[in-house]
């Protein structure tokens, strides 16, 4: 398998990786041209020549993936290595470490009208969509043909437990009558974003209940309750746009202000 096919496979599987490419080789180096894929566990596919330079490139790629930022690394192959071992090739090699992060995963708890609209927009944007509901008629492959995972069970804890939640997951909770129960099932996860739909009164009650049970104000302030941006949304589609907009704002670390205000 070529390295490009491997990269395409990883992107299709929504797995993060770093592509390390030699962009400059001067003098005596293990290779003048080469590419290597580094996975989060440190395993590799391909090579940039082996040796200490490759080992250091792997370490730097792992750091770049943690920071989610691409970078250029420079290696002098005639200098003392950081562990005291000398690299004797005598040349210089620069590599570009391009970080490929997974597509955002939109985990919809509740398959009603609002989350159905969120799912459609998220799918159009290339996000991975997962859906659960306590009613099979609202969570099935026919209703969500583009979802990668769909689960239905009368017990929300059980169907939520079927979905892996990681740091790339954005959870949108909009159930018929189980929002607080659903929130309790994901609040201790490392989800990137957790939002709950609801009126100010309902959200106030949910917060009070969580505070009584030992959750801190700091943790509750990290949640998006009520969910969405203030853009006058009323219909399910309009509410979905406000939710997607808030998720985009959170993922990109931007202000969410009108561009006019940024001049």
Protein backbone atom coordinates (compact mmCIF):
# COMPACT_ATOMS: atom_id res chain seq x y z
CA UNK A 1 0.00 0.00 0.00
CA UNK A 2 1.35 3.44 -0.90
CA UNK A 3 1.68 6.06 1.79
CA UNK A 4 -1.01 8.16 0.11
CA UNK A 5 -3.47 5.24 0.13
CA UNK A 6 -2.66 4.70 3.80
CA UNK A 7 -3.32 8.38 4.54
CA UNK A 8 -6.64 8.19 2.65
CA UNK A 9 -7.57 5.09 4.64
CA UNK A 10 -6.84 6.82 7.94
CA UNK A 11 -8.89 9.85 6.91
CA UNK A 12 -11.77 7.58 5.90
CA UNK A 13 -11.57 5.89 9.31
CA UNK A 14 -11.41 9.33 10.96
CA UNK A 15 -8.11 8.55 12.74
CA UNK A 16 -5.63 11.32 13.56
CA UNK A 17 -2.08 11.08 12.26
CA UNK A 18 0.89 13.19 11.21
CA UNK A 19 2.55 13.11 7.79
CA UNK A 20 6.29 13.74 8.03
CA UNK A 21 7.91 14.83 4.73
CA UNK A 22 11.54 15.68 3.95
CA UNK A 23 11.47 19.19 2.51
CA UNK A 24 15.23 19.85 2.40
CA UNK A 25 18.23 17.56 2.46
CA UNK A 26 21.75 18.96 2.30
CA UNK A 27 24.99 17.04 2.33
CA UNK A 28 25.10 13.46 3.54
CA UNK A 29 21.67 12.37 4.83
CA UNK A 30 19.91 8.98 5.11
CA UNK A 31 17.47 10.03 2.38
CA UNK A 32 16.88 13.05 0.18
CA UNK A 33 13.20 12.31 -0.39
CA UNK A 34 10.85 10.50 1.92
CA UNK A 35 7.50 10.49 3.72
CA UNK A 36 6.37 8.82 6.89
CA UNK A 37 3.03 8.56 8.69
CA UNK A 38 3.13 8.70 12.49
CA UNK A 39 0.15 7.41 14.49
CA UNK A 40 -0.81 8.51 18.02
CA UNK A 41 0.69 5.35 19.55
CA UNK A 42 4.08 6.11 17.95
CA UNK A 43 3.83 3.46 15.25
CA UNK A 44 4.83 4.49 11.73
CA UNK A 45 4.11 3.73 8.10
CA UNK A 46 6.86 4.57 5.62
CA UNK A 47 10.26 6.04 6.47
CA UNK A 48 12.42 9.14 6.14
CA UNK A 49 15.60 7.10 6.35
CA UNK A 50 15.69 5.59 9.81
CA UNK A 51 18.25 6.41 12.48
CA UNK A 52 18.17 9.09 15.12
CA UNK A 53 16.73 11.77 12.85
CA UNK A 54 13.70 9.58 12.20
CA UNK A 55 13.35 8.80 15.90
CA UNK A 56 13.40 12.50 16.75
CA UNK A 57 10.91 13.23 13.97
CA UNK A 58 8.54 10.66 15.47
CA UNK A 59 8.83 12.31 18.90
CA UNK A 60 8.23 15.73 17.39
CA UNK A 61 5.25 14.45 15.39
CA UNK A 62 3.67 13.08 18.57
CA UNK A 63 4.10 16.49 20.25
CA UNK A 64 2.62 18.23 17.20
CA UNK A 65 -0.43 15.94 17.31
CA UNK A 66 -0.97 16.74 20.99
CA UNK A 67 -0.86 20.46 20.17
CA UNK A 68 -2.88 19.89 16.96
CA UNK A 69 -0.45 22.19 15.11
CA UNK A 70 1.73 21.42 12.09
CA UNK A 71 5.39 22.45 12.26
CA UNK A 72 8.81 22.32 10.57
CA UNK A 73 11.70 20.52 12.29
CA UNK A 74 15.39 21.00 11.54
CA UNK A 75 18.08 18.38 12.09
CA UNK A 76 21.86 18.83 11.90
CA UNK A 77 23.16 15.33 11.37
CA UNK A 78 26.67 16.15 12.52
CA UNK A 79 25.69 17.48 15.93
CA UNK A 80 25.37 15.84 19.31
CA UNK A 81 21.99 14.26 19.82
CA UNK A 82 19.87 15.29 22.78
CA UNK A 83 20.61 11.95 24.49
CA UNK A 84 24.37 12.29 24.00
CA UNK A 85 24.59 10.10 20.92
CA UNK A 86 26.31 11.71 17.96
CA UNK A 87 24.71 11.68 14.49
CA UNK A 88 27.54 11.18 12.02
CA UNK A 89 25.91 11.57 8.60
CA UNK A 90 27.28 15.09 8.31
CA UNK A 91 24.37 16.71 6.49
CA UNK A 92 21.27 18.73 7.32
CA UNK A 93 17.65 17.67 6.95
CA UNK A 94 14.44 19.65 7.36
CA UNK A 95 11.06 17.95 7.64
CA UNK A 96 7.51 19.24 7.53
CA UNK A 97 5.19 17.63 10.05
CA UNK A 98 1.60 18.02 8.85
CA UNK A 99 -0.98 17.16 11.49
CA UNK A 100 -4.23 15.59 10.30
CA UNK A 101 -6.90 15.80 12.99
CA UNK A 102 -10.11 13.77 12.79
CA UNK A 103 -13.30 15.35 11.55
CA UNK A 104 -15.47 16.59 14.42
CA UNK A 105 -17.85 13.94 15.71
CA UNK A 106 -21.36 15.16 16.38
CA UNK A 107 -23.02 12.93 18.97
CA UNK A 108 -26.74 13.63 19.00
CA UNK A 109 -28.58 12.47 22.10
CA UNK A 110 -32.18 12.54 20.93
CA UNK A 111 -33.35 12.08 17.37
CA UNK A 112 -36.18 14.60 17.31
CA UNK A 113 -36.78 17.54 14.98
CA UNK A 114 -33.93 19.78 16.16
CA UNK A 115 -31.26 17.07 16.19
CA UNK A 116 -32.50 15.77 12.84
CA UNK A 117 -31.81 19.24 11.42
CA UNK A 118 -28.44 19.38 13.20
CA UNK A 119 -27.57 16.00 11.68
CA UNK A 120 -28.35 17.17 8.15
CA UNK A 121 -26.19 20.29 8.45
CA UNK A 122 -23.37 18.40 10.18
CA UNK A 123 -23.36 15.76 7.46
CA UNK A 124 -23.17 18.42 4.74
CA UNK A 125 -20.11 19.86 6.51
CA UNK A 126 -18.36 16.49 6.53
CA UNK A 127 -18.74 15.90 10.27
CA UNK A 128 -19.19 12.37 11.57
CA UNK A 129 -22.71 11.93 12.98
CA UNK A 130 -23.81 9.53 15.72
CA UNK A 131 -27.37 9.34 17.08
CA UNK A 132 -29.09 7.73 20.07
CA UNK A 133 -32.66 7.91 21.34
CA UNK A 134 -34.90 5.98 23.70
CA UNK A 135 -37.40 5.55 20.86
CA UNK A 136 -36.55 3.36 17.88
CA UNK A 137 -38.77 5.37 15.54
CA UNK A 138 -36.52 8.39 16.17
CA UNK A 139 -33.17 6.57 16.01
CA UNK A 140 -32.89 4.18 13.10
CA UNK A 141 -30.79 3.95 9.91
CA UNK A 142 -33.74 4.93 7.72
CA UNK A 143 -34.17 8.24 9.54
CA UNK A 144 -30.41 8.89 9.74
CA UNK A 145 -28.90 7.13 6.69
CA UNK A 146 -25.71 9.23 6.87
CA UNK A 147 -24.99 8.50 10.56
CA UNK A 148 -22.07 6.19 11.28
CA UNK A 149 -23.72 4.90 14.46
CA UNK A 150 -27.38 4.79 15.48
CA UNK A 151 -28.63 3.22 18.71
CA UNK A 152 -32.07 3.02 20.30
CA UNK A 153 -32.92 1.73 23.75
CA UNK A 154 -35.52 2.70 26.36
CA UNK A 155 -32.61 3.08 28.79
CA UNK A 156 -30.62 6.18 27.78
CA UNK A 157 -27.64 5.13 29.87
CA UNK A 158 -27.40 1.94 27.84
CA UNK A 159 -27.60 3.49 24.37
CA UNK A 160 -25.31 6.40 25.29
CA UNK A 161 -22.82 3.85 26.61
CA UNK A 162 -22.61 2.30 23.14
CA UNK A 163 -20.94 5.44 21.73
CA UNK A 164 -17.28 6.23 22.32
CA UNK A 165 -16.89 9.85 23.43
CA UNK A 166 -13.43 11.39 22.98
CA UNK A 167 -11.80 14.82 22.75
CA UNK A 168 -13.07 15.25 19.19
CA UNK A 169 -16.71 14.63 20.16
CA UNK A 170 -19.35 17.36 20.35
CA UNK A 171 -22.43 16.22 22.29
CA UNK A 172 -25.79 17.81 21.52
CA UNK A 173 -28.53 16.84 23.98
CA UNK A 174 -32.12 17.41 22.86
CA UNK A 175 -34.33 14.60 24.15
CA UNK A 176 -38.06 14.31 24.69
CA UNK A 177 -37.84 14.36 28.49
CA UNK A 178 -34.46 12.96 29.54
CA UNK A 179 -32.03 15.84 29.07
CA UNK A 180 -30.69 15.82 32.64
CA UNK A 181 -30.28 12.04 32.65
CA UNK A 182 -28.43 12.21 29.32
CA UNK A 183 -26.22 15.02 30.58
CA UNK A 184 -25.26 13.02 33.66
CA UNK A 185 -24.21 10.16 31.36
CA UNK A 186 -21.67 12.32 29.48
CA UNK A 187 -20.68 15.13 31.86
CA UNK A 188 -17.62 13.25 33.17
CA UNK A 189 -16.37 12.41 29.67
CA UNK A 190 -13.62 14.28 27.84
CA UNK A 191 -15.98 15.51 25.12
CA UNK A 192 -14.81 18.67 23.39
CA UNK A 193 -18.27 20.24 23.62
CA UNK A 194 -21.43 19.41 25.56
CA UNK A 195 -24.61 21.39 24.93
CA UNK A 196 -28.14 20.99 26.27
CA UNK A 197 -31.24 22.48 24.68
CA UNK A 198 -33.85 24.04 26.96
CA UNK A 199 -35.45 27.10 28.46
CA UNK A 200 -33.64 29.23 31.00
CA UNK A 201 -35.92 27.87 33.73
CA UNK A 202 -35.18 24.24 32.85
CA UNK A 203 -31.44 24.87 32.62
CA UNK A 204 -31.48 26.62 35.99
CA UNK A 205 -33.12 23.58 37.59
CA UNK A 206 -30.62 21.20 35.95
CA UNK A 207 -27.70 23.30 37.20
CA UNK A 208 -29.11 23.41 40.74
CA UNK A 209 -29.51 19.61 40.76
CA UNK A 210 -25.93 19.10 39.56
CA UNK A 211 -24.53 21.55 42.12
CA UNK A 212 -26.35 19.64 44.87
CA UNK A 213 -24.66 16.47 43.68
CA UNK A 214 -21.17 17.94 43.93
CA UNK A 215 -20.46 19.32 40.47
CA UNK A 216 -18.62 22.64 40.59
CA UNK A 217 -19.58 25.98 39.09
CA UNK A 218 -16.39 25.78 37.06
CA UNK A 219 -17.47 22.51 35.44
CA UNK A 220 -21.00 23.73 34.77
CA UNK A 221 -19.64 26.90 33.15
CA UNK A 222 -17.79 24.70 30.66
CA UNK A 223 -21.12 23.35 29.39
CA UNK A 224 -23.30 25.09 26.81
CA UNK A 225 -26.67 25.43 28.52
CA UNK A 226 -28.89 26.64 26.93
CA UNK A 227 -27.28 25.54 23.69
CA UNK A 228 -26.79 27.72 20.60
CA UNK A 229 -26.04 31.28 19.56
CA UNK A 230 -28.44 34.19 20.04
CA UNK A 231 -29.59 34.71 16.43
CA UNK A 232 -33.36 34.71 16.91
CA UNK A 233 -33.83 31.03 16.07
CA UNK A 234 -37.34 29.56 16.19
CA UNK A 235 -37.71 26.68 13.72
CA UNK A 236 -35.75 23.41 14.11
CA UNK A 237 -33.57 24.39 11.14
CA UNK A 238 -32.85 27.84 12.57
CA UNK A 239 -32.02 26.34 15.98
CA UNK A 240 -29.75 23.80 14.26
CA UNK A 241 -27.85 26.62 12.53
CA UNK A 242 -27.33 28.36 15.88
CA UNK A 243 -26.05 25.10 17.39
CA UNK A 244 -23.69 24.33 14.51
CA UNK A 245 -22.45 27.94 14.64
CA UNK A 246 -21.67 27.61 18.34
CA UNK A 247 -19.85 24.32 17.77
CA UNK A 248 -17.78 25.90 14.98
CA UNK A 249 -16.96 28.82 17.27
CA UNK A 250 -15.83 26.46 20.02
CA UNK A 251 -13.74 24.27 17.71
CA UNK A 252 -11.98 27.21 16.07
CA UNK A 253 -11.38 29.21 19.30
CA UNK A 254 -12.87 32.31 17.66
CA UNK A 255 -15.11 35.03 19.07
CA UNK A 256 -18.30 34.32 17.13
CA UNK A 257 -18.69 38.06 16.56
CA UNK A 258 -19.91 39.61 13.32
CA UNK A 259 -16.97 40.15 10.97
CA UNK A 260 -18.03 43.81 10.84
CA UNK A 261 -17.14 44.08 14.52
CA UNK A 262 -13.66 42.72 13.82
CA UNK A 263 -12.63 45.61 11.52
